[in-house]
Amino acid sequence: MKGLELSKKIAGYLDNKKAKDIKIIKIEDLTVVTDYIVIATGTSTTQVKALADEVDFMVDKELGITPARVEGYESKNWILLDYETVIVHVFHPQAREYYNLDKLWADGTEIEFELEAE
């Protein structure tokens, strides 16, 4: 599955669990680390974990893909799921503001996507 398609699926899973401020940023021309990043915010550490769990579960269930690496489950302030072509960052609001990945990757291209109506 291509990175853009996977990114959009992940954004949909996050939206279904009520994640806030979901962004997909294309960074493949800026780094060799990954092609896309998906950034989302949960309203609490409990929701941050639930969002990351949902992405992990749904990507495995529907697409048969498991993350190469997972970081941050201990703190639940910033959980990272690495799908190689897509890296997912799920933040607690204060952590998102502090690390400010939106600004760090501002030279990337923000991808517009439509979320399914409920």
Foldseek 3Di string as FASTA:
>chain_A
DALVVLLQVLLQQLVVLPWPDWWKWACVVPDQQAGIEIETEDQDLVSLLVSVVSSQVCCCVPPVAHFPDWDDNVPSQWIWGHSRNYIYIYHYVVVCVVVVVCVVRVVTHIDDDDHDDD
